[in-house]
Amino acid sequence: MSMSSLYRGEVLSLEIYGESHSPTIGVYIEGLPEGVSPDEEKTAALMARRAPGQNAWSTPRKEKDAVIFEKEGDKLHGYIVNTNTKPKDYASIMNMPRPSHADFTARIKYGDEASKSGGGIFSGRMTAPLCIAGSIALNELNKRGIEIYSHVKSIAGVSDETYFDNSPLSNEFKSKLETVKTKEFPVVDDAKGEAMKEKIAAAREELDSVGGIIETVVYGMPAGIGGPIFGGIEAKVATLLYAIPAVKGVEFGNGYEVANLKGSENNDSFVMCDGKVTMETNHSGGILGGISVGGSVAPIVVDCAIKPTPSISREQKTVDISKQENAVIAIHGRHDPCIVPRAVPVTEAAVAIALYDMILATEGK
């Protein structure tokens, strides 16, 4: 039986099941309001942005990722039939845990139930079901005037234009982000994107990989969503972002930079604009006390750090568990030299699920 993982929000519950090379992978969604159904065209569009095998910076594994939806009682079941599985790629390294993968810890926790190919349920492949659920959340948020945009902020030291490079009191950056979803390489500045591609190509030539940062900006979030301590937006959104296997860090607004600032530099002053209270800056990332500030001038801004793809063809040290001796491993399967571009729609999906769940909880009160 395939392994699964559960998420229980305030209203929504998700169960993601399957493995990288299992016959199917999918998600059961519970808690959707009556009348809410998937927009299959929008789901397909999101899945296409995440799909593998489309360009030089992603894995050559090709999957159509066509989503099938079925209503099962009070749950919506969305799933994909895997068509290009190659578990034999991993046969020679079953007893040699791959560095920075879950092979070693999964074996400790689950024993023989742990998958022995392609990372199993721990694989980045399992972000596809997350996108299935996220596509519904994104669509429902859009109906409420809430729009979520992610883009590659940096790869291997090359940085794209960011939200904080623009004035927080204008929607100029929003118009730039709107074009990103139509691009093959999801950046605002295409010249910077070309420089990033060169870094990725160089890593591939060196049998290595590179990581990066994804910036997500949420426009149109109503004020007053969230709460203190466990109920804060940061806590809820970070939970979903950390569900993405490659995410190793999450920060909101100025993030870690606040450690180097004075209060006078980090604080957002309140000002009147067109008869409304707003903020002169948005260092807080649109969140105060775990609660959304709201308005177009205080969008939610969150970054997540994506680690370099751990599957690399360069030789690395490991151990042979069956022989109880040191070993050397080189991974020759189909892998992305950089996960970051394909993770952009996944971050949008994760943020959408968290915010949609919080809004449903607020609407239900």
Protein backbone atom coordinates (compact mmCIF):
# COMPACT_ATOMS: atom_id res chain seq x y z
CA MET A 1 0.00 0.00 0.00
CA SER A 2 1.29 3.45 -0.86
CA MET A 3 2.40 5.69 1.97
CA SER A 4 0.50 8.90 2.65
CA SER A 5 0.82 12.23 4.45
CA LEU A 6 -1.95 14.19 6.16
CA TYR A 7 -2.53 17.93 6.56
CA ARG A 8 -5.28 19.13 8.84
CA GLY A 9 -6.05 22.82 8.60
CA GLU A 10 -8.82 24.79 10.28
CA VAL A 11 -11.35 23.79 7.61
CA LEU A 12 -9.49 21.88 4.90
CA SER A 13 -7.88 18.48 5.26
CA LEU A 14 -5.55 16.96 2.66
CA GLU A 15 -4.23 13.44 2.30
CA ILE A 16 -1.44 13.11 -0.25
CA TYR A 17 -0.57 9.56 -1.23
CA GLY A 18 1.65 7.65 -3.62
CA GLU A 19 5.32 7.46 -4.46
CA SER A 20 7.61 8.74 -7.16
CA HIS A 21 7.36 5.51 -9.18
CA SER A 22 4.00 4.15 -7.99
CA PRO A 23 1.15 3.59 -10.49
CA THR A 24 -0.71 6.71 -9.30
CA ILE A 25 -0.16 9.71 -7.04
CA GLY A 26 -2.89 11.97 -5.76
CA VAL A 27 -4.67 13.91 -3.05
CA TYR A 28 -7.95 13.61 -1.16
CA ILE A 29 -9.40 17.03 -0.26
CA GLU A 30 -11.97 17.35 2.50
CA GLY A 31 -13.73 20.47 3.75
CA LEU A 32 -14.43 22.27 0.48
CA PRO A 33 -17.64 24.32 0.67
CA GLU A 34 -20.65 23.03 -1.19
CA GLY A 35 -20.56 24.12 -4.82
CA VAL A 36 -16.78 24.42 -5.02
CA SER A 37 -15.38 22.31 -7.83
CA PRO A 38 -12.10 22.30 -9.76
CA ASP A 39 -11.60 24.33 -12.89
CA GLU A 40 -9.86 21.64 -14.91
CA GLU A 41 -8.34 24.09 -17.41
CA LYS A 42 -6.75 26.13 -14.64
CA THR A 43 -5.54 22.97 -12.92
CA ALA A 44 -3.97 21.80 -16.18
CA ALA A 45 -2.27 25.17 -16.65
CA LEU A 46 -0.71 25.05 -13.19
CA MET A 47 0.40 21.44 -13.64
CA ALA A 48 2.00 22.32 -16.98
CA ARG A 49 4.16 24.95 -15.29
CA ARG A 50 5.42 22.34 -12.80
CA ALA A 51 5.70 19.42 -15.24
CA PRO A 52 9.10 17.77 -15.86
CA GLY A 53 10.93 17.15 -19.12
CA GLN A 54 10.23 20.47 -20.84
CA ASN A 55 13.63 22.15 -21.03
CA ALA A 56 17.37 21.91 -20.39
CA TRP A 57 17.17 22.84 -16.72
CA SER A 58 14.71 20.12 -15.67
CA THR A 59 14.75 16.36 -15.44
CA PRO A 60 14.33 14.49 -18.77
CA ARG A 61 11.59 12.40 -17.16
CA LYS A 62 8.41 13.20 -19.11
CA GLU A 63 4.99 13.01 -17.46
CA LYS A 64 1.78 14.50 -18.87
CA ASP A 65 0.47 15.05 -15.33
CA ALA A 66 -3.13 14.93 -16.57
CA VAL A 67 -5.32 15.24 -13.48
CA ILE A 68 -8.41 13.07 -12.98
CA PHE A 69 -11.01 14.34 -10.50
CA GLU A 70 -13.57 12.11 -8.80
CA LYS A 71 -16.04 12.91 -6.01
CA GLU A 72 -15.92 10.27 -3.29
CA GLY A 73 -18.46 11.00 -0.58
CA ASP A 74 -17.57 14.29 1.06
CA LYS A 75 -14.05 14.18 -0.37
CA LEU A 76 -12.69 15.33 -3.72
CA HIS A 77 -10.10 12.95 -5.13
CA GLY A 78 -7.57 14.35 -7.62
CA TYR A 79 -4.95 12.02 -9.02
CA ILE A 80 -2.39 11.41 -11.76
CA VAL A 81 -1.44 8.17 -13.47
CA ASN A 82 2.35 7.88 -13.60
CA THR A 83 3.43 6.83 -17.09
CA ASN A 84 7.23 7.13 -17.11
CA THR A 85 8.48 5.24 -14.08
CA LYS A 86 11.93 3.65 -13.98
CA PRO A 87 12.51 2.11 -10.54
CA LYS A 88 15.38 0.05 -11.97
CA ASP A 89 17.40 3.29 -12.07
CA TYR A 90 17.76 2.87 -8.33
CA ALA A 91 18.29 -0.91 -8.08
CA SER A 92 22.07 -0.67 -7.72
CA ILE A 93 21.92 1.78 -4.81
CA MET A 94 19.09 0.33 -2.70
CA ASN A 95 21.42 -0.29 0.24
CA MET A 96 23.39 2.93 -0.14
CA PRO A 97 21.55 5.99 1.24
CA ARG A 98 21.93 8.99 -1.04
CA PRO A 99 23.41 12.08 0.65
CA SER A 100 20.81 14.72 1.62
CA HIS A 101 17.91 12.41 0.69
CA ALA A 102 15.39 10.80 3.04
CA ASP A 103 16.69 7.28 2.26
CA PHE A 104 18.48 6.87 5.59
CA THR A 105 15.85 8.37 7.90
CA ALA A 106 12.92 6.76 6.04
CA ARG A 107 14.54 3.37 6.50
CA ILE A 108 14.95 4.02 10.22
CA LYS A 109 11.31 5.05 10.66
CA TYR A 110 9.49 2.79 8.21
CA GLY A 111 11.83 -0.14 7.61
CA ASP A 112 10.83 -2.24 4.61
CA GLU A 113 7.76 -0.03 4.01
CA ALA A 114 10.05 2.77 2.88
CA SER A 115 10.35 3.05 -0.88
CA LYS A 116 13.57 1.88 -2.43
CA SER A 117 13.31 3.92 -5.60
CA GLY A 118 13.12 7.57 -6.50
CA GLY A 119 12.63 8.86 -2.98
CA GLY A 120 9.13 7.38 -2.65
CA ILE A 121 6.70 9.73 -0.95
CA PHE A 122 9.64 11.98 -0.01
CA SER A 123 10.34 12.73 -3.70
CA GLY A 124 9.83 16.12 -5.31
CA ARG A 125 7.44 14.25 -7.61
CA MET A 126 4.95 14.42 -4.75
CA THR A 127 4.59 18.17 -5.19
CA ALA A 128 2.27 17.34 -8.09
CA PRO A 129 -0.63 16.38 -5.75
CA LEU A 130 0.08 19.51 -3.73
CA CYS A 131 -0.44 21.51 -6.94
CA ILE A 132 -3.71 19.69 -7.59
CA ALA A 133 -5.10 20.94 -4.28
CA GLY A 134 -3.43 24.31 -4.74
CA SER A 135 -5.08 24.86 -8.12
CA ILE A 136 -8.50 24.78 -6.45
CA ALA A 137 -7.37 27.13 -3.68
CA LEU A 138 -5.86 29.55 -6.18
CA ASN A 139 -9.06 29.63 -8.20
CA GLU A 140 -11.23 30.25 -5.15
CA LEU A 141 -8.92 33.01 -3.93
CA ASN A 142 -9.01 34.64 -7.36
CA LYS A 143 -12.81 34.79 -7.11
CA ARG A 144 -12.29 36.85 -3.95
CA GLY A 145 -9.85 39.22 -5.67
CA ILE A 146 -6.75 37.62 -4.12
CA GLU A 147 -3.86 36.96 -6.50
CA ILE A 148 -0.66 35.05 -5.75
CA TYR A 149 2.49 35.47 -7.82
CA SER A 150 5.81 33.69 -7.41
CA HIS A 151 9.05 34.12 -9.35
CA VAL A 152 12.68 33.05 -9.12
CA LYS A 153 14.33 35.60 -6.86
CA SER A 154 17.83 34.18 -7.23
CA ILE A 155 19.80 31.17 -8.43
CA ALA A 156 23.46 30.55 -7.63
CA GLY A 157 24.04 34.17 -6.67
CA VAL A 158 22.26 35.75 -9.68
CA SER A 159 19.32 37.90 -8.51
CA ASP A 160 16.11 38.88 -10.26
CA GLU A 161 14.23 42.13 -9.67
CA THR A 162 12.26 41.85 -6.41
CA TYR A 163 9.24 43.35 -4.69
CA PHE A 164 11.50 45.47 -2.49
CA ASP A 165 13.23 46.97 -5.54
CA ASN A 166 9.96 48.77 -6.27
CA SER A 167 7.82 51.29 -4.43
CA PRO A 168 5.35 49.60 -2.05
CA LEU A 169 2.84 52.37 -2.79
CA SER A 170 2.45 51.40 -6.45
CA ASN A 171 1.25 48.34 -8.30
CA GLU A 172 4.10 48.52 -10.79
CA PHE A 173 5.67 45.27 -9.61
CA LYS A 174 2.32 43.48 -9.75
CA SER A 175 2.04 44.21 -13.47
CA LYS A 176 5.53 42.77 -13.96
CA LEU A 177 4.69 39.62 -12.01
CA GLU A 178 1.59 39.04 -14.13
CA THR A 179 3.83 38.27 -17.11
CA VAL A 180 5.91 35.66 -15.26
CA LYS A 181 3.30 32.89 -15.47
CA THR A 182 3.49 33.00 -19.27
CA LYS A 183 7.29 32.61 -19.36
CA GLU A 184 9.21 29.37 -19.75
CA PHE A 185 11.76 30.62 -17.23
CA PRO A 186 9.83 32.36 -14.40
CA VAL A 187 11.71 35.61 -13.78
CA VAL A 188 10.79 39.29 -14.06
CA ASP A 189 14.08 40.33 -15.70
CA ASP A 190 14.77 38.04 -18.67
CA ALA A 191 18.42 39.09 -18.86
CA LYS A 192 18.92 37.89 -15.29
CA GLY A 193 17.10 34.72 -16.27
CA GLU A 194 19.63 34.04 -19.02
CA ALA A 195 22.46 34.48 -16.49
CA MET A 196 20.73 32.00 -14.18
CA LYS A 197 20.43 29.47 -17.01
CA GLU A 198 24.18 29.75 -17.57
CA LYS A 199 24.79 28.92 -13.92
CA ILE A 200 22.50 25.90 -14.18
CA ALA A 201 24.19 24.70 -17.37
CA ALA A 202 27.62 25.05 -15.76
CA ALA A 203 26.50 22.99 -12.76
CA ARG A 204 25.18 20.26 -15.06
CA GLU A 205 28.51 20.14 -16.91
CA GLU A 206 30.25 19.71 -13.56
CA LEU A 207 27.87 16.84 -12.64
CA ASP A 208 26.50 19.08 -9.90
CA SER A 209 23.43 21.17 -9.08
CA VAL A 210 22.46 24.62 -7.74
CA GLY A 211 19.73 26.04 -5.50
CA GLY A 212 18.03 29.40 -5.13
CA ILE A 213 15.26 31.51 -3.63
CA ILE A 214 11.63 31.99 -4.69
CA GLU A 215 9.76 35.19 -3.83
CA THR A 216 5.96 35.08 -3.49
CA VAL A 217 3.75 38.16 -3.33
CA VAL A 218 0.05 38.02 -2.41
CA TYR A 219 -2.09 40.94 -3.61
CA GLY A 220 -5.66 41.67 -2.51
CA MET A 221 -5.51 39.89 0.84
CA PRO A 222 -8.25 41.30 3.06
CA ALA A 223 -7.25 42.86 6.37
CA GLY A 224 -7.81 40.99 9.61
CA ILE A 225 -7.06 37.41 8.52
CA GLY A 226 -4.94 35.43 10.98
CA GLY A 227 -4.31 35.63 14.70
CA PRO A 228 -1.71 35.49 17.44
CA ILE A 229 0.81 32.73 18.18
CA PHE A 230 -0.33 29.46 16.54
CA GLY A 231 -3.01 31.22 14.50
CA GLY A 232 -0.66 33.59 12.69
CA ILE A 233 -0.34 33.77 8.92
CA GLU A 234 3.41 33.14 9.16
CA ALA A 235 2.84 29.89 11.07
CA LYS A 236 0.16 28.64 8.68
CA VAL A 237 1.95 29.56 5.45
CA ALA A 238 5.32 28.25 6.64
CA THR A 239 3.73 24.88 7.46
CA LEU A 240 2.61 24.47 3.84
CA LEU A 241 5.84 25.81 2.34
CA TYR A 242 7.89 23.37 4.41
CA ALA A 243 5.76 20.59 2.96
CA ILE A 244 7.71 21.16 -0.27
CA PRO A 245 10.62 18.69 0.09
CA ALA A 246 13.34 21.06 -1.18
CA VAL A 247 12.46 24.05 1.03
CA LYS A 248 15.06 24.69 3.73
CA GLY A 249 14.17 28.23 4.81
CA VAL A 250 11.17 30.58 4.90
CA GLU A 251 11.16 34.31 5.66
CA PHE A 252 8.53 37.05 5.57
CA GLY A 253 9.10 40.69 4.64
CA ASN A 254 12.65 41.68 5.55
CA GLY A 255 13.19 38.20 6.96
CA TYR A 256 16.66 37.49 8.31
CA GLU A 257 17.75 41.00 7.32
CA VAL A 258 15.94 42.35 10.41
CA ALA A 259 18.81 41.03 12.55
CA ASN A 260 21.06 43.70 11.01
CA LEU A 261 18.60 46.61 11.18
CA LYS A 262 17.62 49.14 13.82
CA GLY A 263 14.00 49.48 14.82
CA SER A 264 13.85 52.85 13.08
CA GLU A 265 14.96 51.15 9.85
CA ASN A 266 12.70 48.12 10.06
CA ASN A 267 9.49 49.72 11.33
CA ASP A 268 6.71 50.54 8.86
CA SER A 269 5.35 54.04 9.52
CA PHE A 270 1.59 54.55 9.20
CA VAL A 271 0.41 57.31 6.87
CA MET A 272 -2.87 58.58 5.43
CA CYS A 273 -3.39 58.05 1.69
CA ASP A 274 -6.63 58.99 -0.08
CA GLY A 275 -8.44 59.06 3.24
CA LYS A 276 -7.24 55.61 4.30
CA VAL A 277 -4.65 54.39 6.79
CA THR A 278 -1.77 52.67 5.07
CA MET A 279 1.94 52.05 5.57
CA GLU A 280 4.80 54.03 4.11
CA THR A 281 6.87 50.84 3.68
CA ASN A 282 6.16 47.12 3.89
CA HIS A 283 9.16 45.64 5.69
CA SER A 284 6.76 43.44 7.68
CA GLY A 285 5.63 41.66 4.52
CA GLY A 286 1.99 42.63 5.01
CA ILE A 287 1.64 40.86 8.37
CA LEU A 288 1.52 42.39 11.87
CA GLY A 289 0.93 40.18 14.91
CA GLY A 290 0.21 37.25 12.62
CA ILE A 291 -2.68 39.19 11.05
CA SER A 292 -2.90 40.53 7.49
CA VAL A 293 -2.63 44.30 7.09
CA GLY A 294 -4.56 44.10 3.82
CA GLY A 295 -4.82 46.51 0.94
CA SER A 296 -2.85 46.74 -2.28
CA VAL A 297 0.00 48.64 -0.60
CA ALA A 298 0.66 45.94 1.99
CA PRO A 299 0.74 42.64 0.12
CA ILE A 300 2.02 39.54 1.86
CA VAL A 301 5.65 38.92 0.85
CA VAL A 302 7.33 35.60 1.61
CA ASP A 303 10.56 34.00 0.39
CA CYS A 304 11.58 30.36 0.51
CA ALA A 305 15.06 28.93 0.04
CA ILE A 306 15.33 25.89 -2.23
CA LYS A 307 18.28 23.55 -1.74
CA PRO A 308 20.42 22.27 -4.62
CA THR A 309 19.08 19.05 -6.10
CA PRO A 310 20.67 16.35 -3.92
CA SER A 311 20.70 13.81 -6.78
CA ILE A 312 23.95 14.56 -8.61
CA SER A 313 26.14 12.45 -10.87
CA ARG A 314 29.33 13.51 -9.09
CA GLU A 315 30.78 10.83 -6.79
CA GLN A 316 29.90 11.25 -3.10
CA LYS A 317 30.69 9.37 0.08
CA THR A 318 28.05 7.10 1.63
CA VAL A 319 27.85 3.67 3.25
CA ASP A 320 26.71 0.25 2.08
CA ILE A 321 24.26 -0.75 4.80
CA SER A 322 24.13 -4.42 3.77
CA LYS A 323 27.94 -4.76 3.79
CA GLN A 324 28.46 -2.41 6.74
CA GLU A 325 31.26 -0.56 5.00
CA ASN A 326 32.08 2.81 3.48
CA ALA A 327 31.14 3.28 -0.17
CA VAL A 328 31.09 5.79 -3.01
CA ILE A 329 27.92 6.65 -4.91
CA ALA A 330 27.17 8.44 -8.19
CA ILE A 331 23.49 8.94 -9.03
CA HIS A 332 22.72 8.42 -12.70
CA GLY A 333 18.91 8.69 -12.80
CA ARG A 334 16.90 11.56 -14.33
CA HIS A 335 17.25 14.68 -12.20
CA ASP A 336 16.95 18.47 -12.35
CA PRO A 337 20.27 20.33 -12.16
CA CYS A 338 18.16 23.05 -10.49
CA ILE A 339 14.75 22.51 -8.89
CA VAL A 340 13.98 26.20 -8.43
CA PRO A 341 12.14 27.10 -11.71
CA ARG A 342 9.76 24.15 -11.43
CA ALA A 343 9.14 24.92 -7.75
CA VAL A 344 7.69 28.36 -8.56
CA PRO A 345 4.10 27.14 -9.19
CA VAL A 346 4.43 24.78 -6.22
CA THR A 347 5.07 27.69 -3.86
CA GLU A 348 2.00 29.47 -5.24
CA ALA A 349 -0.04 26.33 -4.58
CA ALA A 350 1.28 25.92 -1.03
CA VAL A 351 0.64 29.55 -0.07
CA ALA A 352 -2.83 29.39 -1.63
CA ILE A 353 -3.85 26.33 0.39
CA ALA A 354 -2.81 27.97 3.67
CA LEU A 355 -4.56 31.29 2.94
CA TYR A 356 -7.71 29.70 1.51
CA ASP A 357 -8.05 27.53 4.63
CA MET A 358 -7.69 30.61 6.86
CA ILE A 359 -10.24 32.58 4.85
CA LEU A 360 -12.73 29.71 4.96
CA ALA A 361 -12.32 29.60 8.73
CA THR A 362 -13.00 33.33 8.93
CA GLU A 363 -16.02 33.16 6.62
CA GLY A 364 -17.46 30.32 8.67
CA LYS A 365 -17.45 32.27 11.93
